[in-house]
Amino acid sequence: MHSQRLNEEPLQPWIAANVDGSIICGHCNCMVGLGKSCSHIGAVLFKIEAAVRLGYTKAACTDMPCKWNNDFKGKKK
């Protein structure tokens, strides 16, 4: 949310990037974003860079198949 006003819609900044990380384009629905150069796009890029640098883009343990129960599969009587 870009404002402390409850009746304003949240902003929707977005960025299109290549696999190598180069930016193709970006847009935000704020007043400055209409000119394609607002700080919200910069904030999204900063957040993505920090997440990659800190390793937050790796798969979570809950994204992996269950391993602890493998020994018991198929041994029902």
N, C-alpha and C. Protein backbone atom coordinates (compact mmCIF):
# COMPACT_ATOMS: atom_id res chain seq x y z
N MET A 1 0.85 -1.17 0.00
CA MET A 1 0.00 0.00 0.00
C MET A 1 0.90 1.24 0.00
N HIS A 2 0.63 2.17 -0.83
CA HIS A 2 1.48 3.34 -0.97
C HIS A 2 1.07 4.49 -0.08
N SER A 3 -0.03 4.38 0.59
CA SER A 3 -0.55 5.47 1.39
C SER A 3 -1.11 4.93 2.68
N GLN A 4 -1.27 5.80 3.65
CA GLN A 4 -1.90 5.38 4.90
C GLN A 4 -3.42 5.55 4.83
N ARG A 5 -3.91 5.97 3.71
CA ARG A 5 -5.36 6.11 3.52
C ARG A 5 -5.96 4.75 3.21
N LEU A 6 -6.99 4.39 3.92
CA LEU A 6 -7.59 3.07 3.76
C LEU A 6 -8.44 2.96 2.50
N ASN A 7 -8.90 4.07 1.97
CA ASN A 7 -9.80 4.01 0.82
C ASN A 7 -9.07 4.05 -0.52
N GLU A 8 -7.74 4.10 -0.52
CA GLU A 8 -7.00 4.10 -1.78
C GLU A 8 -6.60 2.68 -2.15
N GLU A 9 -6.66 2.39 -3.42
CA GLU A 9 -6.26 1.07 -3.93
C GLU A 9 -4.75 0.90 -3.81
N PRO A 10 -4.28 -0.32 -3.51
CA PRO A 10 -2.82 -0.56 -3.48
C PRO A 10 -2.22 -0.38 -4.87
N LEU A 11 -0.97 0.04 -4.90
CA LEU A 11 -0.28 0.18 -6.18
C LEU A 11 0.08 -1.18 -6.74
N GLN A 12 0.29 -1.23 -8.04
CA GLN A 12 0.62 -2.48 -8.71
C GLN A 12 1.83 -2.30 -9.62
N PRO A 13 3.03 -2.13 -9.02
CA PRO A 13 4.22 -2.05 -9.88
C PRO A 13 4.58 -3.43 -10.41
N TRP A 14 5.08 -3.48 -11.64
CA TRP A 14 5.52 -4.75 -12.21
C TRP A 14 6.75 -4.51 -13.08
N ILE A 15 7.50 -5.58 -13.28
CA ILE A 15 8.73 -5.52 -14.05
C ILE A 15 8.82 -6.77 -14.91
N ALA A 16 9.23 -6.62 -16.15
CA ALA A 16 9.52 -7.75 -17.02
C ALA A 16 11.03 -7.81 -17.20
N ALA A 17 11.60 -9.00 -16.97
CA ALA A 17 13.05 -9.16 -17.05
C ALA A 17 13.40 -10.42 -17.82
N ASN A 18 14.58 -10.42 -18.41
CA ASN A 18 15.12 -11.61 -19.06
C ASN A 18 15.67 -12.56 -18.01
N VAL A 19 15.95 -13.79 -18.41
CA VAL A 19 16.51 -14.79 -17.51
C VAL A 19 17.86 -14.34 -16.94
N ASP A 20 18.62 -13.58 -17.73
CA ASP A 20 19.93 -13.12 -17.27
C ASP A 20 19.84 -11.94 -16.31
N GLY A 21 18.62 -11.45 -16.04
CA GLY A 21 18.43 -10.36 -15.09
C GLY A 21 18.30 -8.99 -15.72
N SER A 22 18.51 -8.87 -17.01
CA SER A 22 18.37 -7.57 -17.65
C SER A 22 16.89 -7.19 -17.73
N ILE A 23 16.62 -5.92 -17.49
CA ILE A 23 15.25 -5.42 -17.42
C ILE A 23 14.75 -5.11 -18.82
N ILE A 24 13.56 -5.60 -19.14
CA ILE A 24 12.93 -5.31 -20.43
C ILE A 24 12.09 -4.04 -20.29
N CYS A 25 11.21 -4.03 -19.29
CA CYS A 25 10.37 -2.86 -19.06
C CYS A 25 9.76 -2.96 -17.67
N GLY A 26 9.12 -1.89 -17.23
CA GLY A 26 8.44 -1.86 -15.95
C GLY A 26 7.37 -0.80 -15.97
N HIS A 27 6.41 -0.93 -15.07
CA HIS A 27 5.31 0.03 -15.03
C HIS A 27 4.71 0.05 -13.63
N CYS A 28 4.14 1.15 -13.25
CA CYS A 28 3.43 1.29 -11.97
C CYS A 28 2.20 2.15 -12.22
N ASN A 29 1.14 1.89 -11.47
CA ASN A 29 -0.09 2.65 -11.68
C ASN A 29 -0.17 3.90 -10.81
N CYS A 30 0.95 4.34 -10.21
CA CYS A 30 0.94 5.60 -9.47
C CYS A 30 1.06 6.76 -10.47
N MET A 31 0.90 7.98 -9.97
CA MET A 31 0.94 9.15 -10.85
C MET A 31 2.30 9.30 -11.54
N VAL A 32 3.38 9.08 -10.82
CA VAL A 32 4.71 9.21 -11.41
C VAL A 32 4.99 8.02 -12.32
N GLY A 33 4.43 6.86 -11.99
CA GLY A 33 4.65 5.66 -12.79
C GLY A 33 4.11 5.77 -14.20
N LEU A 34 3.21 6.69 -14.43
CA LEU A 34 2.70 6.90 -15.79
C LEU A 34 3.83 7.34 -16.72
N GLY A 35 4.86 7.96 -16.14
CA GLY A 35 6.04 8.35 -16.91
C GLY A 35 7.11 7.28 -16.91
N LYS A 36 6.81 6.11 -16.35
CA LYS A 36 7.68 4.93 -16.32
C LYS A 36 8.96 5.12 -15.50
N SER A 37 8.93 5.98 -14.48
CA SER A 37 10.14 6.17 -13.68
C SER A 37 9.80 6.52 -12.23
N CYS A 38 9.07 5.64 -11.55
CA CYS A 38 8.73 5.92 -10.16
C CYS A 38 9.62 5.12 -9.22
N SER A 39 9.60 5.47 -7.95
CA SER A 39 10.42 4.78 -6.96
C SER A 39 9.86 3.41 -6.60
N HIS A 40 8.60 3.14 -6.91
CA HIS A 40 8.01 1.84 -6.60
C HIS A 40 8.66 0.73 -7.44
N ILE A 41 8.96 1.03 -8.69
CA ILE A 41 9.65 0.06 -9.54
C ILE A 41 11.06 -0.18 -9.00
N GLY A 42 11.72 0.88 -8.58
CA GLY A 42 13.04 0.73 -7.97
C GLY A 42 12.99 -0.09 -6.70
N ALA A 43 11.93 0.08 -5.91
CA ALA A 43 11.79 -0.69 -4.67
C ALA A 43 11.59 -2.18 -4.97
N VAL A 44 10.83 -2.50 -6.00
CA VAL A 44 10.64 -3.91 -6.38
C VAL A 44 11.98 -4.51 -6.83
N LEU A 45 12.74 -3.77 -7.62
CA LEU A 45 14.04 -4.25 -8.08
C LEU A 45 15.00 -4.44 -6.90
N PHE A 46 14.97 -3.51 -5.95
CA PHE A 46 15.81 -3.63 -4.76
C PHE A 46 15.43 -4.87 -3.95
N LYS A 47 14.15 -5.14 -3.80
CA LYS A 47 13.67 -6.31 -3.05
C LYS A 47 14.10 -7.61 -3.74
N ILE A 48 13.99 -7.66 -5.06
CA ILE A 48 14.39 -8.85 -5.81
C ILE A 48 15.90 -9.08 -5.66
N GLU A 49 16.68 -8.01 -5.80
CA GLU A 49 18.14 -8.14 -5.67
C GLU A 49 18.51 -8.63 -4.28
N ALA A 50 17.88 -8.10 -3.25
CA ALA A 50 18.18 -8.52 -1.88
C ALA A 50 17.79 -9.98 -1.66
N ALA A 51 16.65 -10.40 -2.18
CA ALA A 51 16.21 -11.79 -2.02
C ALA A 51 17.18 -12.76 -2.70
N VAL A 52 17.67 -12.41 -3.88
CA VAL A 52 18.62 -13.27 -4.58
C VAL A 52 19.95 -13.30 -3.83
N ARG A 53 20.43 -12.14 -3.40
CA ARG A 53 21.71 -12.06 -2.70
C ARG A 53 21.68 -12.83 -1.37
N LEU A 54 20.56 -12.79 -0.66
CA LEU A 54 20.44 -13.46 0.64
C LEU A 54 20.01 -14.91 0.53
N GLY A 55 19.75 -15.39 -0.68
CA GLY A 55 19.40 -16.79 -0.89
C GLY A 55 17.96 -17.13 -0.59
N TYR A 56 17.08 -16.15 -0.61
CA TYR A 56 15.66 -16.40 -0.32
C TYR A 56 14.89 -16.95 -1.51
N THR A 57 15.56 -17.17 -2.63
CA THR A 57 14.87 -17.67 -3.81
C THR A 57 14.99 -19.18 -3.95
N LYS A 58 15.68 -19.82 -3.01
CA LYS A 58 15.81 -21.27 -3.05
C LYS A 58 14.50 -21.92 -2.65
N ALA A 59 14.32 -23.16 -3.03
CA ALA A 59 13.09 -23.88 -2.69
C ALA A 59 13.01 -24.10 -1.18
N ALA A 60 11.82 -23.93 -0.64
CA ALA A 60 11.59 -24.17 0.78
C ALA A 60 11.50 -25.67 1.04
N CYS A 61 11.72 -26.08 2.27
CA CYS A 61 11.66 -27.51 2.58
C CYS A 61 10.26 -28.07 2.34
N THR A 62 9.25 -27.25 2.44
CA THR A 62 7.88 -27.72 2.18
C THR A 62 7.58 -27.85 0.70
N ASP A 63 8.47 -27.34 -0.16
CA ASP A 63 8.30 -27.49 -1.61
C ASP A 63 8.83 -28.84 -2.10
N MET A 64 9.60 -29.53 -1.28
CA MET A 64 10.21 -30.80 -1.65
C MET A 64 9.30 -31.97 -1.26
N PRO A 65 9.42 -33.10 -1.97
CA PRO A 65 8.65 -34.28 -1.58
C PRO A 65 9.08 -34.78 -0.20
N CYS A 66 8.17 -35.42 0.48
CA CYS A 66 8.43 -35.95 1.82
C CYS A 66 9.51 -37.03 1.74
N LYS A 67 10.55 -36.93 2.57
CA LYS A 67 11.63 -37.91 2.57
C LYS A 67 11.62 -38.79 3.82
N TRP A 68 11.12 -38.27 4.92
CA TRP A 68 11.20 -39.01 6.17
C TRP A 68 10.27 -40.22 6.21
N ASN A 69 9.29 -40.29 5.34
CA ASN A 69 8.32 -41.38 5.36
C ASN A 69 8.60 -42.41 4.27
N ASN A 70 9.69 -42.31 3.55
CA ASN A 70 9.98 -43.21 2.43
C ASN A 70 10.17 -44.66 2.87
N ASP A 71 10.74 -44.91 4.03
CA ASP A 71 11.00 -46.28 4.49
C ASP A 71 9.73 -47.06 4.76
N PHE A 72 8.64 -46.39 5.02
CA PHE A 72 7.41 -47.08 5.41
C PHE A 72 6.43 -47.27 4.26
N LYS A 73 6.71 -46.71 3.11
CA LYS A 73 5.80 -46.85 1.98
C LYS A 73 5.79 -48.29 1.48
N GLY A 74 4.64 -48.84 1.26
CA GLY A 74 4.50 -50.18 0.71
C GLY A 74 4.68 -51.30 1.72
N LYS A 75 4.83 -51.00 3.00
CA LYS A 75 5.03 -52.03 4.01
C LYS A 75 3.79 -52.21 4.87
N LYS A 76 2.64 -51.90 4.32
CA LYS A 76 1.40 -52.07 5.07
C LYS A 76 1.02 -53.54 5.12
N LYS A 77 0.45 -53.97 6.23
CA LYS A 77 0.02 -55.38 6.38
C LYS A 77 -1.47 -55.48 6.38
